[in-house]
Amino acid sequence: MRMLVGILAGQPFVSTLVGDASPSRRPMKRVIEPLEQMGARIEATNGHAPAGRPRRRRLRPYRLPPVPSAQVKSACARWQDCYANGVTSVTEPAETRDHTERALAAFGATRHS
């Protein structure tokens, strides 16, 4: 769910992410805040299961928080991949699980060190 927020937040339509009881209880604030700082507009119900609202704005740079989070990295990377002009990059302050890297590789992205 958190990975999809970054993709859906910038679409020109309203989308609502709905999950079963487990994902619907999990807080989304740690994903929503960085995306909003980069220019997305996201509404959430009590901080859970967000509905993305479109806002066409230029992306602003964002530095990932010092607390490692593969989910925040994934959401930010998805937003940047879909809505930035030119090359985008995400630099982690600390290594996280590699779910994002695997997904990006499956879509043809390359990793640069």
N, C-alpha and C. Protein backbone atom coordinates (compact mmCIF):
# COMPACT_ATOMS: atom_id res chain seq x y z
N MET A 1 0.83 -1.19 0.00
CA MET A 1 0.00 0.00 0.00
C MET A 1 0.88 1.26 0.00
N ARG A 2 1.92 1.26 0.83
CA ARG A 2 2.77 2.45 0.93
C ARG A 2 3.53 2.70 -0.37
N MET A 3 3.90 1.65 -1.07
CA MET A 3 4.61 1.84 -2.34
C MET A 3 3.70 2.49 -3.38
N LEU A 4 2.43 2.12 -3.39
CA LEU A 4 1.49 2.67 -4.36
C LEU A 4 1.15 4.14 -4.11
N VAL A 5 1.27 4.59 -2.88
CA VAL A 5 0.94 5.98 -2.57
C VAL A 5 1.75 6.93 -3.45
N GLY A 6 3.04 6.64 -3.62
CA GLY A 6 3.90 7.50 -4.43
C GLY A 6 3.50 7.55 -5.89
N ILE A 7 2.95 6.47 -6.41
CA ILE A 7 2.50 6.45 -7.81
C ILE A 7 1.16 7.16 -7.94
N LEU A 8 0.23 6.84 -7.08
CA LEU A 8 -1.13 7.35 -7.21
C LEU A 8 -1.28 8.81 -6.81
N ALA A 9 -0.42 9.32 -5.95
CA ALA A 9 -0.57 10.68 -5.44
C ALA A 9 -0.51 11.75 -6.52
N GLY A 10 0.16 11.49 -7.61
CA GLY A 10 0.29 12.50 -8.66
C GLY A 10 -0.58 12.27 -9.88
N GLN A 11 -1.43 11.29 -9.84
CA GLN A 11 -2.28 11.00 -10.99
C GLN A 11 -3.37 12.08 -11.11
N PRO A 12 -3.88 12.28 -12.32
CA PRO A 12 -4.92 13.30 -12.52
C PRO A 12 -6.32 12.79 -12.16
N PHE A 13 -6.39 11.86 -11.24
CA PHE A 13 -7.67 11.35 -10.77
C PHE A 13 -7.53 11.04 -9.29
N VAL A 14 -8.65 10.96 -8.62
CA VAL A 14 -8.66 10.63 -7.19
C VAL A 14 -8.59 9.12 -7.05
N SER A 15 -7.75 8.66 -6.17
CA SER A 15 -7.65 7.23 -5.92
C SER A 15 -7.72 6.98 -4.42
N THR A 16 -8.31 5.89 -4.08
CA THR A 16 -8.42 5.52 -2.67
C THR A 16 -7.82 4.14 -2.49
N LEU A 17 -6.90 4.03 -1.57
CA LEU A 17 -6.30 2.75 -1.26
C LEU A 17 -7.04 2.13 -0.09
N VAL A 18 -7.53 0.93 -0.30
CA VAL A 18 -8.29 0.24 0.74
C VAL A 18 -7.65 -1.12 0.94
N GLY A 19 -7.43 -1.48 2.19
CA GLY A 19 -6.85 -2.78 2.49
C GLY A 19 -7.69 -3.49 3.52
N ASP A 20 -7.26 -4.69 3.85
CA ASP A 20 -7.97 -5.39 4.92
C ASP A 20 -7.63 -4.72 6.25
N ALA A 21 -8.00 -5.33 7.34
CA ALA A 21 -7.85 -4.69 8.65
C ALA A 21 -6.40 -4.33 8.97
N SER A 22 -5.45 -5.16 8.61
CA SER A 22 -4.06 -4.90 8.97
C SER A 22 -3.49 -3.64 8.31
N PRO A 23 -3.49 -3.52 6.97
CA PRO A 23 -2.95 -2.30 6.38
C PRO A 23 -3.77 -1.06 6.69
N SER A 24 -5.04 -1.23 6.90
CA SER A 24 -5.88 -0.07 7.20
C SER A 24 -5.60 0.51 8.58
N ARG A 25 -5.03 -0.28 9.46
CA ARG A 25 -4.67 0.21 10.80
C ARG A 25 -3.28 0.84 10.84
N ARG A 26 -2.43 0.52 9.87
CA ARG A 26 -1.05 0.98 9.91
C ARG A 26 -0.97 2.47 9.58
N PRO A 27 -0.17 3.22 10.33
CA PRO A 27 -0.04 4.65 10.06
C PRO A 27 0.68 4.92 8.75
N MET A 28 0.24 5.93 8.04
CA MET A 28 0.81 6.28 6.74
C MET A 28 1.57 7.61 6.79
N LYS A 29 1.57 8.25 7.93
CA LYS A 29 2.18 9.58 8.05
C LYS A 29 3.64 9.60 7.61
N ARG A 30 4.41 8.56 7.92
CA ARG A 30 5.82 8.54 7.58
C ARG A 30 6.05 8.48 6.08
N VAL A 31 5.04 8.08 5.31
CA VAL A 31 5.12 8.09 3.85
C VAL A 31 4.50 9.36 3.29
N ILE A 32 3.42 9.80 3.87
CA ILE A 32 2.70 10.98 3.38
C ILE A 32 3.54 12.25 3.52
N GLU A 33 4.15 12.45 4.67
CA GLU A 33 4.90 13.70 4.91
C GLU A 33 6.01 13.96 3.89
N PRO A 34 6.89 12.97 3.59
CA PRO A 34 7.93 13.26 2.59
C PRO A 34 7.35 13.53 1.21
N LEU A 35 6.30 12.80 0.83
CA LEU A 35 5.70 13.03 -0.49
C LEU A 35 5.10 14.43 -0.57
N GLU A 36 4.46 14.88 0.49
CA GLU A 36 3.91 16.24 0.49
C GLU A 36 5.02 17.28 0.45
N GLN A 37 6.12 17.02 1.12
CA GLN A 37 7.24 17.96 1.07
C GLN A 37 7.85 18.04 -0.33
N MET A 38 7.66 16.98 -1.13
CA MET A 38 8.16 16.98 -2.50
C MET A 38 7.13 17.55 -3.47
N GLY A 39 5.92 17.83 -3.01
CA GLY A 39 4.93 18.46 -3.88
C GLY A 39 3.64 17.69 -4.06
N ALA A 40 3.54 16.49 -3.54
CA ALA A 40 2.29 15.72 -3.66
C ALA A 40 1.26 16.28 -2.69
N ARG A 41 0.02 15.97 -2.97
CA ARG A 41 -1.05 16.32 -2.03
C ARG A 41 -1.79 15.03 -1.72
N ILE A 42 -1.80 14.65 -0.47
CA ILE A 42 -2.41 13.38 -0.08
C ILE A 42 -3.30 13.61 1.13
N GLU A 43 -4.50 13.08 1.04
CA GLU A 43 -5.41 13.14 2.18
C GLU A 43 -5.47 11.76 2.80
N ALA A 44 -5.58 11.71 4.11
CA ALA A 44 -5.68 10.42 4.79
C ALA A 44 -6.80 10.49 5.82
N THR A 45 -7.35 9.34 6.13
CA THR A 45 -8.38 9.23 7.14
C THR A 45 -7.71 8.91 8.47
N ASN A 46 -7.62 9.87 9.34
CA ASN A 46 -6.95 9.69 10.62
C ASN A 46 -5.54 9.13 10.45
N GLY A 47 -4.86 9.54 9.38
CA GLY A 47 -3.49 9.08 9.14
C GLY A 47 -3.38 7.67 8.58
N HIS A 48 -4.48 7.10 8.11
CA HIS A 48 -4.47 5.73 7.62
C HIS A 48 -5.07 5.67 6.22
N ALA A 49 -4.73 4.59 5.50
CA ALA A 49 -5.27 4.30 4.17
C ALA A 49 -5.59 5.56 3.36
N PRO A 50 -4.57 6.21 2.82
CA PRO A 50 -4.76 7.52 2.16
C PRO A 50 -5.51 7.47 0.84
N ALA A 51 -6.10 8.59 0.52
CA ALA A 51 -6.67 8.82 -0.79
C ALA A 51 -5.83 9.91 -1.44
N GLY A 52 -5.24 9.66 -2.60
CA GLY A 52 -4.42 10.67 -3.26
C GLY A 52 -5.27 11.66 -4.01
N ARG A 53 -4.97 12.91 -3.89
CA ARG A 53 -5.65 13.97 -4.65
C ARG A 53 -4.62 14.60 -5.57
N PRO A 54 -4.97 14.81 -6.83
CA PRO A 54 -3.97 15.34 -7.76
C PRO A 54 -3.57 16.78 -7.46
N ARG A 55 -2.32 17.04 -7.61
CA ARG A 55 -1.80 18.40 -7.56
C ARG A 55 -0.59 18.43 -8.49
N ARG A 56 -0.75 19.05 -9.61
CA ARG A 56 0.35 19.12 -10.57
C ARG A 56 1.29 20.24 -10.15
N ARG A 57 2.41 19.86 -9.58
CA ARG A 57 3.41 20.83 -9.14
C ARG A 57 4.77 20.29 -9.50
N ARG A 58 5.69 21.17 -9.52
CA ARG A 58 7.06 20.77 -9.75
C ARG A 58 7.59 20.06 -8.52
N LEU A 59 8.33 18.99 -8.74
CA LEU A 59 8.90 18.27 -7.61
C LEU A 59 9.95 19.10 -6.90
N ARG A 60 9.94 19.00 -5.60
CA ARG A 60 10.97 19.64 -4.80
C ARG A 60 11.88 18.55 -4.26
N PRO A 61 13.17 18.85 -4.07
CA PRO A 61 14.08 17.84 -3.50
C PRO A 61 13.66 17.48 -2.09
N TYR A 62 13.98 16.29 -1.72
CA TYR A 62 13.67 15.82 -0.37
C TYR A 62 14.78 14.89 0.07
N ARG A 63 15.22 15.04 1.29
CA ARG A 63 16.23 14.14 1.85
C ARG A 63 15.54 13.16 2.77
N LEU A 64 15.76 11.88 2.52
CA LEU A 64 15.13 10.85 3.35
C LEU A 64 15.52 11.05 4.80
N PRO A 65 14.61 10.75 5.72
CA PRO A 65 14.89 10.92 7.15
C PRO A 65 15.99 9.96 7.61
N PRO A 66 16.66 10.28 8.71
CA PRO A 66 17.75 9.43 9.18
C PRO A 66 17.31 8.06 9.67
N VAL A 67 16.03 7.88 9.93
CA VAL A 67 15.52 6.57 10.34
C VAL A 67 15.31 5.74 9.08
N PRO A 68 16.01 4.62 8.93
CA PRO A 68 15.88 3.83 7.71
C PRO A 68 14.47 3.30 7.52
N SER A 69 13.95 3.43 6.31
CA SER A 69 12.62 2.93 6.00
C SER A 69 12.54 2.59 4.52
N ALA A 70 12.46 1.31 4.22
CA ALA A 70 12.31 0.88 2.83
C ALA A 70 11.00 1.38 2.25
N GLN A 71 9.96 1.51 3.09
CA GLN A 71 8.66 1.95 2.60
C GLN A 71 8.67 3.42 2.21
N VAL A 72 9.32 4.25 3.00
CA VAL A 72 9.43 5.67 2.65
C VAL A 72 10.27 5.81 1.38
N LYS A 73 11.37 5.08 1.31
CA LYS A 73 12.21 5.10 0.12
C LYS A 73 11.40 4.71 -1.11
N SER A 74 10.61 3.65 -1.01
CA SER A 74 9.81 3.19 -2.14
C SER A 74 8.80 4.24 -2.59
N ALA A 75 8.09 4.83 -1.66
CA ALA A 75 7.09 5.83 -2.00
C ALA A 75 7.74 7.04 -2.66
N CYS A 76 8.84 7.52 -2.11
CA CYS A 76 9.53 8.68 -2.68
C CYS A 76 10.10 8.36 -4.06
N ALA A 77 10.67 7.18 -4.21
CA ALA A 77 11.23 6.78 -5.50
C ALA A 77 10.14 6.68 -6.55
N ARG A 78 9.01 6.12 -6.20
CA ARG A 78 7.90 5.98 -7.16
C ARG A 78 7.42 7.36 -7.61
N TRP A 79 7.26 8.28 -6.67
CA TRP A 79 6.81 9.63 -6.99
C TRP A 79 7.81 10.29 -7.93
N GLN A 80 9.09 10.20 -7.60
CA GLN A 80 10.11 10.82 -8.44
C GLN A 80 10.17 10.17 -9.81
N ASP A 81 10.12 8.84 -9.85
CA ASP A 81 10.19 8.13 -11.13
C ASP A 81 9.08 8.56 -12.07
N CYS A 82 7.90 8.74 -11.53
CA CYS A 82 6.74 9.01 -12.37
C CYS A 82 6.57 10.48 -12.74
N TYR A 83 7.06 11.38 -11.92
CA TYR A 83 6.69 12.78 -12.11
C TYR A 83 7.83 13.76 -12.27
N ALA A 84 9.05 13.30 -12.22
CA ALA A 84 10.18 14.21 -12.39
C ALA A 84 10.59 14.25 -13.85
N ASN A 85 11.10 15.39 -14.27
CA ASN A 85 11.69 15.50 -15.60
C ASN A 85 13.18 15.22 -15.45
N GLY A 86 13.69 14.31 -16.26
CA GLY A 86 15.11 14.00 -16.19
C GLY A 86 15.41 12.87 -15.22
N VAL A 87 16.66 12.83 -14.81
CA VAL A 87 17.14 11.76 -13.93
C VAL A 87 16.75 12.06 -12.50
N THR A 88 16.33 11.03 -11.79
CA THR A 88 16.02 11.19 -10.37
C THR A 88 16.95 10.29 -9.58
N SER A 89 17.13 10.65 -8.33
CA SER A 89 17.94 9.79 -7.47
C SER A 89 17.39 9.83 -6.05
N VAL A 90 17.59 8.73 -5.36
CA VAL A 90 17.23 8.62 -3.96
C VAL A 90 18.46 8.13 -3.24
N THR A 91 18.91 8.88 -2.25
CA THR A 91 20.08 8.51 -1.47
C THR A 91 19.62 8.18 -0.06
N GLU A 92 19.97 7.01 0.39
CA GLU A 92 19.58 6.58 1.73
C GLU A 92 20.63 7.00 2.76
N PRO A 93 20.20 7.50 3.90
CA PRO A 93 21.15 7.80 4.97
C PRO A 93 21.67 6.51 5.62
N ALA A 94 20.89 5.44 5.53
CA ALA A 94 21.28 4.13 6.04
C ALA A 94 20.62 3.08 5.16
N GLU A 95 21.26 1.95 5.00
CA GLU A 95 20.74 0.91 4.12
C GLU A 95 19.44 0.32 4.67
N THR A 96 18.49 0.07 3.76
CA THR A 96 17.22 -0.55 4.11
C THR A 96 17.03 -1.81 3.27
N ARG A 97 15.94 -2.50 3.49
CA ARG A 97 15.64 -3.68 2.68
C ARG A 97 15.59 -3.29 1.20
N ASP A 98 15.83 -4.23 0.32
CA ASP A 98 15.99 -3.92 -1.11
C ASP A 98 14.74 -4.14 -1.96
N HIS A 99 13.56 -4.05 -1.38
CA HIS A 99 12.33 -4.22 -2.15
C HIS A 99 12.24 -3.21 -3.29
N THR A 100 12.59 -1.98 -3.01
CA THR A 100 12.52 -0.93 -4.03
C THR A 100 13.47 -1.23 -5.17
N GLU A 101 14.70 -1.58 -4.86
CA GLU A 101 15.68 -1.86 -5.89
C GLU A 101 15.24 -3.03 -6.78
N ARG A 102 14.65 -4.04 -6.17
CA ARG A 102 14.17 -5.18 -6.96
C ARG A 102 13.03 -4.77 -7.88
N ALA A 103 12.11 -3.98 -7.37
CA ALA A 103 10.98 -3.53 -8.20
C ALA A 103 11.47 -2.64 -9.34
N LEU A 104 12.37 -1.70 -9.03
CA LEU A 104 12.88 -0.81 -10.07
C LEU A 104 13.64 -1.60 -11.14
N ALA A 105 14.42 -2.57 -10.73
CA ALA A 105 15.16 -3.40 -11.71
C ALA A 105 14.19 -4.16 -12.61
N ALA A 106 13.09 -4.64 -12.05
CA ALA A 106 12.09 -5.35 -12.84
C ALA A 106 11.47 -4.43 -13.90
N PHE A 107 11.42 -3.13 -13.61
CA PHE A 107 10.87 -2.15 -14.57
C PHE A 107 11.95 -1.56 -15.48
N GLY A 108 13.19 -2.04 -15.35
CA GLY A 108 14.25 -1.61 -16.25
C GLY A 108 15.14 -0.49 -15.74
N ALA A 109 14.99 -0.09 -14.50
CA ALA A 109 15.85 0.97 -13.95
C ALA A 109 17.24 0.42 -13.66
N THR A 110 18.22 1.28 -13.67
CA THR A 110 19.58 0.89 -13.34
C THR A 110 20.02 1.57 -12.05
N ARG A 111 20.95 0.94 -11.37
CA ARG A 111 21.45 1.48 -10.10
C ARG A 111 22.82 2.09 -10.34
N HIS A 112 22.99 3.30 -9.82
CA HIS A 112 24.28 3.98 -9.92
C HIS A 112 24.81 4.20 -8.52
N SER A 113 26.07 3.98 -8.33
CA SER A 113 26.67 4.21 -7.01
C SER A 113 27.35 5.55 -6.94
